[in-house]
Amino acid sequence: MLSSFQRFLASGLGSGYSPIAPGTAGSIAACVLLFFGYMLFGIPFLVGFVIFSVAANFWTAPAAEAAWGKDPGAMVVDEWAGMGISLWAWLWTIGIEGGELSLVHLLVAFGFFRLFDIWKPLGVNSMQKLSGGFGILFDDILAGWYAGIGWFIVFQIW
């Protein structure tokens, strides 16, 4: 049974109910939370956001799949984890040196994350075949890693 709180959390505070591109809507919601959370609380927020998103995924995924079907579109808390991981390249380069997270950094991470989450290259697609909450989550985590690598390359050249 998917409680109303689990439904709210799984849907990324409702962003997953977007009638058009719920994954993208969920990723945008994550970007907004990540940006303002970072501005208010700094780097610990970025790390905590990913940990919270992973935990929320495992808590809500079984009930969400039972209620909404396999890898439901409305469930976007997994996108939140992937989007957060895509910013870890920033964290370990610019952030650790005291640099600020800019909207440009965030938009580049978002662009790469959505590209790899939709395109699903190099093992991302095979991750979806894992059972339970693992398949829902791990494809987004791997897409987030690839996005972080893309982000790193762009900002090494830039």
N, C-alpha and C. Protein backbone atom coordinates (compact mmCIF):
# COMPACT_ATOMS: atom_id res chain seq x y z
N MET A 1 0.85 -1.18 0.00
CA MET A 1 0.00 0.00 0.00
C MET A 1 0.89 1.24 0.00
N LEU A 2 0.67 2.11 -0.93
CA LEU A 2 1.44 3.34 -1.05
C LEU A 2 0.72 4.44 -0.29
N SER A 3 1.29 4.80 0.86
CA SER A 3 0.66 5.86 1.67
C SER A 3 0.76 7.19 0.93
N SER A 4 -0.03 8.14 1.35
CA SER A 4 -0.01 9.45 0.68
C SER A 4 1.35 10.12 0.86
N PHE A 5 2.03 9.91 2.00
CA PHE A 5 3.35 10.49 2.18
C PHE A 5 4.37 9.81 1.27
N GLN A 6 4.30 8.48 1.15
CA GLN A 6 5.20 7.76 0.24
C GLN A 6 4.96 8.21 -1.20
N ARG A 7 3.72 8.37 -1.57
CA ARG A 7 3.36 8.83 -2.92
C ARG A 7 3.96 10.22 -3.19
N PHE A 8 3.84 11.11 -2.20
CA PHE A 8 4.37 12.47 -2.32
C PHE A 8 5.90 12.44 -2.45
N LEU A 9 6.54 11.61 -1.65
CA LEU A 9 7.98 11.49 -1.67
C LEU A 9 8.47 10.83 -2.96
N ALA A 10 7.85 9.72 -3.35
CA ALA A 10 8.24 9.01 -4.57
C ALA A 10 8.09 9.90 -5.80
N SER A 11 7.08 10.74 -5.79
CA SER A 11 6.83 11.61 -6.94
C SER A 11 7.67 12.89 -6.90
N GLY A 12 8.67 12.94 -6.04
CA GLY A 12 9.51 14.12 -5.97
C GLY A 12 8.74 15.35 -5.55
N LEU A 13 7.99 15.21 -4.45
CA LEU A 13 7.14 16.28 -3.93
C LEU A 13 6.09 16.73 -4.94
N GLY A 14 5.66 15.77 -5.76
CA GLY A 14 4.61 16.04 -6.75
C GLY A 14 5.12 16.33 -8.14
N SER A 15 6.40 16.57 -8.32
CA SER A 15 6.93 16.92 -9.65
C SER A 15 6.78 15.79 -10.66
N GLY A 16 6.73 14.56 -10.20
CA GLY A 16 6.58 13.42 -11.09
C GLY A 16 5.20 13.28 -11.70
N TYR A 17 4.25 14.09 -11.22
CA TYR A 17 2.90 14.05 -11.79
C TYR A 17 2.77 14.93 -13.02
N SER A 18 3.85 15.52 -13.46
CA SER A 18 3.81 16.36 -14.67
C SER A 18 3.29 15.52 -15.84
N PRO A 19 2.32 16.04 -16.59
CA PRO A 19 1.79 15.28 -17.72
C PRO A 19 2.78 15.18 -18.89
N ILE A 20 3.76 16.06 -18.91
CA ILE A 20 4.77 16.05 -19.97
C ILE A 20 6.13 15.84 -19.31
N ALA A 21 6.85 14.81 -19.73
CA ALA A 21 8.21 14.52 -19.29
C ALA A 21 8.36 14.56 -17.76
N PRO A 22 7.73 13.62 -17.05
CA PRO A 22 7.83 13.65 -15.59
C PRO A 22 9.26 13.50 -15.08
N GLY A 23 10.10 12.74 -15.79
CA GLY A 23 11.50 12.60 -15.37
C GLY A 23 12.25 13.92 -15.44
N THR A 24 11.98 14.67 -16.49
CA THR A 24 12.61 15.98 -16.64
C THR A 24 12.07 16.94 -15.59
N ALA A 25 10.76 16.89 -15.34
CA ALA A 25 10.17 17.74 -14.31
C ALA A 25 10.76 17.41 -12.95
N GLY A 26 10.94 16.13 -12.66
CA GLY A 26 11.56 15.73 -11.40
C GLY A 26 13.00 16.19 -11.30
N SER A 27 13.72 16.14 -12.42
CA SER A 27 15.12 16.60 -12.42
C SER A 27 15.20 18.11 -12.23
N ILE A 28 14.26 18.83 -12.80
CA ILE A 28 14.22 20.29 -12.60
C ILE A 28 13.93 20.61 -11.13
N ALA A 29 12.99 19.88 -10.55
CA ALA A 29 12.69 20.09 -9.13
C ALA A 29 13.93 19.80 -8.28
N ALA A 30 14.67 18.75 -8.64
CA ALA A 30 15.91 18.44 -7.92
C ALA A 30 16.91 19.57 -8.05
N CYS A 31 17.04 20.13 -9.26
CA CYS A 31 17.97 21.25 -9.48
C CYS A 31 17.61 22.44 -8.60
N VAL A 32 16.34 22.75 -8.53
CA VAL A 32 15.90 23.88 -7.71
C VAL A 32 16.25 23.63 -6.24
N LEU A 33 15.93 22.43 -5.76
CA LEU A 33 16.24 22.09 -4.37
C LEU A 33 17.74 22.08 -4.11
N LEU A 34 18.50 21.51 -5.05
CA LEU A 34 19.94 21.45 -4.89
C LEU A 34 20.56 22.84 -4.85
N PHE A 35 20.12 23.71 -5.74
CA PHE A 35 20.68 25.05 -5.82
C PHE A 35 20.39 25.85 -4.54
N PHE A 36 19.12 25.90 -4.17
CA PHE A 36 18.76 26.69 -2.99
C PHE A 36 19.23 26.02 -1.69
N GLY A 37 19.20 24.70 -1.66
CA GLY A 37 19.73 24.00 -0.49
C GLY A 37 21.21 24.25 -0.30
N TYR A 38 21.94 24.26 -1.42
CA TYR A 38 23.37 24.56 -1.34
C TYR A 38 23.59 26.00 -0.87
N MET A 39 22.80 26.94 -1.41
CA MET A 39 22.96 28.34 -1.01
C MET A 39 22.71 28.54 0.49
N LEU A 40 21.78 27.78 1.03
CA LEU A 40 21.44 27.93 2.45
C LEU A 40 22.35 27.13 3.38
N PHE A 41 22.73 25.90 2.96
CA PHE A 41 23.41 24.99 3.87
C PHE A 41 24.78 24.52 3.40
N GLY A 42 25.16 24.85 2.17
CA GLY A 42 26.49 24.50 1.67
C GLY A 42 26.61 23.05 1.22
N ILE A 43 27.84 22.61 1.16
CA ILE A 43 28.18 21.29 0.63
C ILE A 43 27.50 20.14 1.37
N PRO A 44 27.36 20.18 2.69
CA PRO A 44 26.69 19.06 3.36
C PRO A 44 25.28 18.80 2.80
N PHE A 45 24.62 19.84 2.32
CA PHE A 45 23.29 19.64 1.74
C PHE A 45 23.36 18.76 0.50
N LEU A 46 24.36 18.97 -0.35
CA LEU A 46 24.48 18.17 -1.58
C LEU A 46 24.66 16.69 -1.25
N VAL A 47 25.51 16.40 -0.30
CA VAL A 47 25.75 15.00 0.08
C VAL A 47 24.50 14.43 0.74
N GLY A 48 23.91 15.17 1.66
CA GLY A 48 22.70 14.72 2.34
C GLY A 48 21.54 14.51 1.39
N PHE A 49 21.45 15.35 0.37
CA PHE A 49 20.37 15.24 -0.62
C PHE A 49 20.44 13.89 -1.34
N VAL A 50 21.64 13.48 -1.72
CA VAL A 50 21.79 12.19 -2.41
C VAL A 50 21.47 11.05 -1.45
N ILE A 51 21.98 11.11 -0.25
CA ILE A 51 21.71 10.05 0.73
C ILE A 51 20.22 9.96 1.01
N PHE A 52 19.57 11.10 1.20
CA PHE A 52 18.13 11.12 1.43
C PHE A 52 17.37 10.53 0.23
N SER A 53 17.77 10.91 -0.98
CA SER A 53 17.08 10.44 -2.19
C SER A 53 17.22 8.94 -2.37
N VAL A 54 18.41 8.41 -2.09
CA VAL A 54 18.62 6.96 -2.19
C VAL A 54 17.76 6.23 -1.15
N ALA A 55 17.78 6.72 0.08
CA ALA A 55 16.97 6.09 1.14
C ALA A 55 15.48 6.18 0.80
N ALA A 56 15.04 7.34 0.32
CA ALA A 56 13.63 7.50 -0.05
C ALA A 56 13.25 6.57 -1.18
N ASN A 57 14.16 6.36 -2.11
CA ASN A 57 13.90 5.44 -3.23
C ASN A 57 13.63 4.03 -2.70
N PHE A 58 14.51 3.55 -1.84
CA PHE A 58 14.35 2.18 -1.34
C PHE A 58 13.12 2.04 -0.46
N TRP A 59 12.73 3.10 0.22
CA TRP A 59 11.54 3.04 1.07
C TRP A 59 10.27 3.08 0.23
N THR A 60 10.27 3.83 -0.86
CA THR A 60 9.03 4.00 -1.63
C THR A 60 8.91 3.09 -2.84
N ALA A 61 10.03 2.60 -3.39
CA ALA A 61 9.99 1.86 -4.66
C ALA A 61 9.10 0.63 -4.65
N PRO A 62 9.21 -0.26 -3.66
CA PRO A 62 8.36 -1.45 -3.71
C PRO A 62 6.86 -1.11 -3.73
N ALA A 63 6.46 -0.17 -2.89
CA ALA A 63 5.04 0.20 -2.84
C ALA A 63 4.64 0.96 -4.11
N ALA A 64 5.54 1.79 -4.64
CA ALA A 64 5.23 2.53 -5.87
C ALA A 64 5.06 1.59 -7.05
N GLU A 65 5.94 0.58 -7.16
CA GLU A 65 5.79 -0.39 -8.25
C GLU A 65 4.52 -1.21 -8.10
N ALA A 66 4.16 -1.55 -6.87
CA ALA A 66 2.93 -2.31 -6.64
C ALA A 66 1.71 -1.48 -7.02
N ALA A 67 1.76 -0.19 -6.74
CA ALA A 67 0.61 0.69 -7.02
C ALA A 67 0.60 1.19 -8.46
N TRP A 68 1.77 1.52 -9.02
CA TRP A 68 1.84 2.20 -10.32
C TRP A 68 2.40 1.36 -11.45
N GLY A 69 2.95 0.17 -11.15
CA GLY A 69 3.55 -0.67 -12.19
C GLY A 69 5.07 -0.56 -12.19
N LYS A 70 5.71 -1.38 -13.04
CA LYS A 70 7.18 -1.44 -13.13
C LYS A 70 7.76 -0.11 -13.57
N ASP A 71 8.78 0.37 -12.87
CA ASP A 71 9.48 1.63 -13.13
C ASP A 71 8.52 2.76 -13.51
N PRO A 72 7.64 3.13 -12.59
CA PRO A 72 6.60 4.11 -12.90
C PRO A 72 7.15 5.50 -13.21
N GLY A 73 6.56 6.15 -14.19
CA GLY A 73 6.99 7.49 -14.60
C GLY A 73 6.82 8.53 -13.51
N ALA A 74 5.80 8.36 -12.68
CA ALA A 74 5.54 9.35 -11.62
C ALA A 74 6.58 9.29 -10.52
N MET A 75 7.30 8.17 -10.42
CA MET A 75 8.33 8.05 -9.39
C MET A 75 9.60 8.71 -9.91
N VAL A 76 9.96 9.85 -9.31
CA VAL A 76 11.13 10.60 -9.77
C VAL A 76 12.17 10.85 -8.68
N VAL A 77 11.98 10.27 -7.50
CA VAL A 77 12.98 10.45 -6.45
C VAL A 77 14.30 9.83 -6.88
N ASP A 78 14.27 8.86 -7.78
CA ASP A 78 15.49 8.28 -8.34
C ASP A 78 16.23 9.30 -9.21
N GLU A 79 15.48 10.12 -9.92
CA GLU A 79 16.09 11.22 -10.69
C GLU A 79 16.79 12.20 -9.76
N TRP A 80 16.22 12.39 -8.59
CA TRP A 80 16.84 13.29 -7.61
C TRP A 80 18.22 12.78 -7.22
N ALA A 81 18.33 11.47 -6.96
CA ALA A 81 19.63 10.90 -6.60
C ALA A 81 20.62 11.04 -7.75
N GLY A 82 20.19 10.72 -8.96
CA GLY A 82 21.08 10.84 -10.12
C GLY A 82 21.52 12.27 -10.37
N MET A 83 20.60 13.21 -10.22
CA MET A 83 20.93 14.62 -10.42
C MET A 83 21.93 15.08 -9.36
N GLY A 84 21.74 14.64 -8.14
CA GLY A 84 22.68 14.99 -7.08
C GLY A 84 24.07 14.43 -7.34
N ILE A 85 24.12 13.18 -7.79
CA ILE A 85 25.41 12.55 -8.09
C ILE A 85 26.10 13.26 -9.25
N SER A 86 25.34 13.76 -10.21
CA SER A 86 25.96 14.46 -11.34
C SER A 86 26.73 15.69 -10.88
N LEU A 87 26.38 16.23 -9.71
CA LEU A 87 27.08 17.41 -9.18
C LEU A 87 28.28 17.05 -8.32
N TRP A 88 28.52 15.78 -8.08
CA TRP A 88 29.68 15.41 -7.28
C TRP A 88 30.98 15.74 -7.99
N ALA A 89 31.00 15.78 -9.33
CA ALA A 89 32.20 16.22 -10.05
C ALA A 89 32.51 17.67 -9.69
N TRP A 90 31.47 18.50 -9.61
CA TRP A 90 31.66 19.89 -9.17
C TRP A 90 32.19 19.90 -7.74
N LEU A 91 31.58 19.08 -6.89
CA LEU A 91 31.94 19.04 -5.48
C LEU A 91 33.41 18.72 -5.29
N TRP A 92 33.92 17.73 -6.03
CA TRP A 92 35.30 17.29 -5.83
C TRP A 92 36.31 18.10 -6.61
N THR A 93 35.86 19.08 -7.37
CA THR A 93 36.80 19.95 -8.09
C THR A 93 36.67 21.37 -7.58
N ILE A 94 35.66 22.05 -7.98
CA ILE A 94 35.47 23.46 -7.63
C ILE A 94 34.97 23.62 -6.19
N GLY A 95 34.01 22.81 -5.80
CA GLY A 95 33.40 22.95 -4.47
C GLY A 95 34.36 22.72 -3.33
N ILE A 96 35.21 21.71 -3.45
CA ILE A 96 36.13 21.38 -2.38
C ILE A 96 37.18 22.49 -2.20
N GLU A 97 37.40 23.26 -3.26
CA GLU A 97 38.35 24.37 -3.20
C GLU A 97 37.69 25.67 -2.74
N GLY A 98 36.42 25.61 -2.40
CA GLY A 98 35.72 26.78 -1.89
C GLY A 98 34.96 27.56 -2.95
N GLY A 99 34.92 27.05 -4.19
CA GLY A 99 34.18 27.73 -5.25
C GLY A 99 32.69 27.59 -5.08
N GLU A 100 31.97 28.52 -5.66
CA GLU A 100 30.50 28.52 -5.56
C GLU A 100 29.87 27.70 -6.68
N LEU A 101 28.73 27.10 -6.37
CA LEU A 101 27.92 26.41 -7.36
C LEU A 101 27.14 27.47 -8.13
N SER A 102 27.41 27.57 -9.43
CA SER A 102 26.72 28.56 -10.24
C SER A 102 25.59 27.91 -11.02
N LEU A 103 24.71 28.73 -11.55
CA LEU A 103 23.64 28.20 -12.40
C LEU A 103 24.20 27.53 -13.64
N VAL A 104 25.32 28.01 -14.16
CA VAL A 104 25.95 27.38 -15.33
C VAL A 104 26.40 25.97 -14.97
N HIS A 105 27.04 25.80 -13.82
CA HIS A 105 27.45 24.46 -13.37
C HIS A 105 26.25 23.54 -13.28
N LEU A 106 25.19 24.05 -12.69
CA LEU A 106 23.98 23.27 -12.48
C LEU A 106 23.32 22.90 -13.81
N LEU A 107 23.24 23.85 -14.73
CA LEU A 107 22.60 23.59 -16.03
C LEU A 107 23.40 22.59 -16.86
N VAL A 108 24.72 22.66 -16.80
CA VAL A 108 25.54 21.68 -17.54
C VAL A 108 25.33 20.29 -16.95
N ALA A 109 25.31 20.17 -15.63
CA ALA A 109 25.06 18.88 -14.98
C ALA A 109 23.67 18.36 -15.35
N PHE A 110 22.68 19.24 -15.32
CA PHE A 110 21.31 18.86 -15.69
C PHE A 110 21.26 18.35 -17.13
N GLY A 111 21.87 19.09 -18.04
CA GLY A 111 21.86 18.69 -19.45
C GLY A 111 22.49 17.33 -19.67
N PHE A 112 23.65 17.11 -19.06
CA PHE A 112 24.30 15.81 -19.20
C PHE A 112 23.49 14.71 -18.53
N PHE A 113 22.93 14.98 -17.36
CA PHE A 113 22.14 13.96 -16.68
C PHE A 113 20.93 13.55 -17.52
N ARG A 114 20.19 14.51 -18.03
CA ARG A 114 19.02 14.16 -18.83
C ARG A 114 19.44 13.42 -20.11
N LEU A 115 20.55 13.84 -20.73
CA LEU A 115 21.05 13.15 -21.93
C LEU A 115 21.31 11.69 -21.63
N PHE A 116 22.08 11.41 -20.59
CA PHE A 116 22.44 10.03 -20.28
C PHE A 116 21.28 9.24 -19.70
N ASP A 117 20.36 9.89 -19.01
CA ASP A 117 19.20 9.18 -18.47
C ASP A 117 18.24 8.78 -19.59
N ILE A 118 18.14 9.59 -20.61
CA ILE A 118 17.26 9.28 -21.74
C ILE A 118 17.95 8.33 -22.73
N TRP A 119 19.19 8.62 -23.06
CA TRP A 119 19.96 7.84 -24.05
C TRP A 119 20.31 6.46 -23.51
N LYS A 120 20.64 6.36 -22.24
CA LYS A 120 20.97 5.13 -21.53
C LYS A 120 22.14 4.35 -22.16
N PRO A 121 23.31 4.99 -22.28
CA PRO A 121 24.46 4.30 -22.87
C PRO A 121 25.21 3.42 -21.86
N LEU A 122 26.08 2.59 -22.35
CA LEU A 122 27.09 1.87 -21.57
C LEU A 122 26.62 1.33 -20.23
N GLY A 123 25.63 0.48 -20.26
CA GLY A 123 25.17 -0.19 -19.05
C GLY A 123 24.03 0.48 -18.32
N VAL A 124 23.69 1.71 -18.66
CA VAL A 124 22.61 2.39 -17.95
C VAL A 124 21.30 1.63 -18.18
N ASN A 125 21.05 1.23 -19.42
CA ASN A 125 19.81 0.52 -19.73
C ASN A 125 19.74 -0.84 -19.02
N SER A 126 20.86 -1.54 -18.93
CA SER A 126 20.85 -2.85 -18.28
C SER A 126 20.58 -2.75 -16.78
N MET A 127 20.88 -1.61 -16.19
CA MET A 127 20.62 -1.42 -14.76
C MET A 127 19.12 -1.49 -14.46
N GLN A 128 18.29 -1.07 -15.41
CA GLN A 128 16.84 -1.07 -15.19
C GLN A 128 16.29 -2.47 -14.99
N LYS A 129 17.03 -3.49 -15.39
CA LYS A 129 16.56 -4.86 -15.29
C LYS A 129 16.69 -5.43 -13.88
N LEU A 130 17.41 -4.72 -13.01
CA LEU A 130 17.54 -5.17 -11.63
C LEU A 130 16.18 -5.11 -10.94
N SER A 131 15.96 -5.99 -10.00
CA SER A 131 14.65 -6.06 -9.36
C SER A 131 14.52 -5.09 -8.20
N GLY A 132 13.29 -4.91 -7.78
CA GLY A 132 12.98 -4.03 -6.66
C GLY A 132 13.35 -2.59 -6.94
N GLY A 133 13.71 -1.89 -5.91
CA GLY A 133 14.10 -0.50 -6.06
C GLY A 133 15.46 -0.32 -6.71
N PHE A 134 16.23 -1.41 -6.82
CA PHE A 134 17.56 -1.30 -7.40
C PHE A 134 17.53 -0.87 -8.86
N GLY A 135 16.67 -1.47 -9.66
CA GLY A 135 16.57 -1.12 -11.07
C GLY A 135 16.10 0.30 -11.29
N ILE A 136 15.17 0.73 -10.47
CA ILE A 136 14.65 2.10 -10.59
C ILE A 136 15.76 3.10 -10.30
N LEU A 137 16.57 2.79 -9.29
CA LEU A 137 17.58 3.73 -8.82
C LEU A 137 18.90 3.67 -9.58
N PHE A 138 19.42 2.47 -9.81
CA PHE A 138 20.80 2.36 -10.29
C PHE A 138 21.00 2.87 -11.71
N ASP A 139 19.98 2.85 -12.56
CA ASP A 139 20.18 3.44 -13.89
C ASP A 139 20.39 4.95 -13.76
N ASP A 140 19.71 5.59 -12.81
CA ASP A 140 19.88 7.03 -12.61
C ASP A 140 21.20 7.35 -11.92
N ILE A 141 21.65 6.47 -11.05
CA ILE A 141 22.95 6.68 -10.42
C ILE A 141 24.05 6.59 -11.47
N LEU A 142 23.98 5.60 -12.34
CA LEU A 142 25.00 5.47 -13.39
C LEU A 142 24.91 6.64 -14.38
N ALA A 143 23.71 7.05 -14.74
CA ALA A 143 23.56 8.23 -15.60
C ALA A 143 24.13 9.47 -14.91
N GLY A 144 23.97 9.57 -13.59
CA GLY A 144 24.55 10.67 -12.83
C GLY A 144 26.07 10.65 -12.86
N TRP A 145 26.66 9.45 -12.77
CA TRP A 145 28.12 9.33 -12.85
C TRP A 145 28.59 9.78 -14.23
N TYR A 146 27.94 9.31 -15.27
CA TYR A 146 28.32 9.72 -16.62
C TYR A 146 28.16 11.23 -16.80
N ALA A 147 27.09 11.78 -16.24
CA ALA A 147 26.88 13.23 -16.32
C ALA A 147 28.00 13.98 -15.60
N GLY A 148 28.42 13.46 -14.47
CA GLY A 148 29.53 14.06 -13.74
C GLY A 148 30.82 14.04 -14.54
N ILE A 149 31.06 12.94 -15.25
CA ILE A 149 32.24 12.85 -16.11
C ILE A 149 32.14 13.87 -17.24
N GLY A 150 30.96 13.96 -17.86
CA GLY A 150 30.75 14.96 -18.91
C GLY A 150 30.95 16.37 -18.38
N TRP A 151 30.41 16.64 -17.20
CA TRP A 151 30.57 17.95 -16.58
C TRP A 151 32.05 18.24 -16.37
N PHE A 152 32.78 17.27 -15.84
CA PHE A 152 34.21 17.43 -15.55
C PHE A 152 34.98 17.75 -16.83
N ILE A 153 34.69 17.04 -17.90
CA ILE A 153 35.38 17.28 -19.18
C ILE A 153 35.10 18.70 -19.66
N VAL A 154 33.84 19.11 -19.64
CA VAL A 154 33.47 20.46 -20.09
C VAL A 154 34.23 21.52 -19.29
N PHE A 155 34.27 21.38 -17.97
CA PHE A 155 34.89 22.42 -17.17
C PHE A 155 36.41 22.30 -17.08
N GLN A 156 36.96 21.19 -17.56
CA GLN A 156 38.41 21.12 -17.72
C GLN A 156 38.82 21.86 -18.99
N ILE A 157 37.97 21.81 -20.00
CA ILE A 157 38.24 22.50 -21.27
C ILE A 157 37.92 23.99 -21.15
N TRP A 158 36.83 24.31 -20.46
CA TRP A 158 36.34 25.67 -20.36
C TRP A 158 37.30 26.45 -19.58
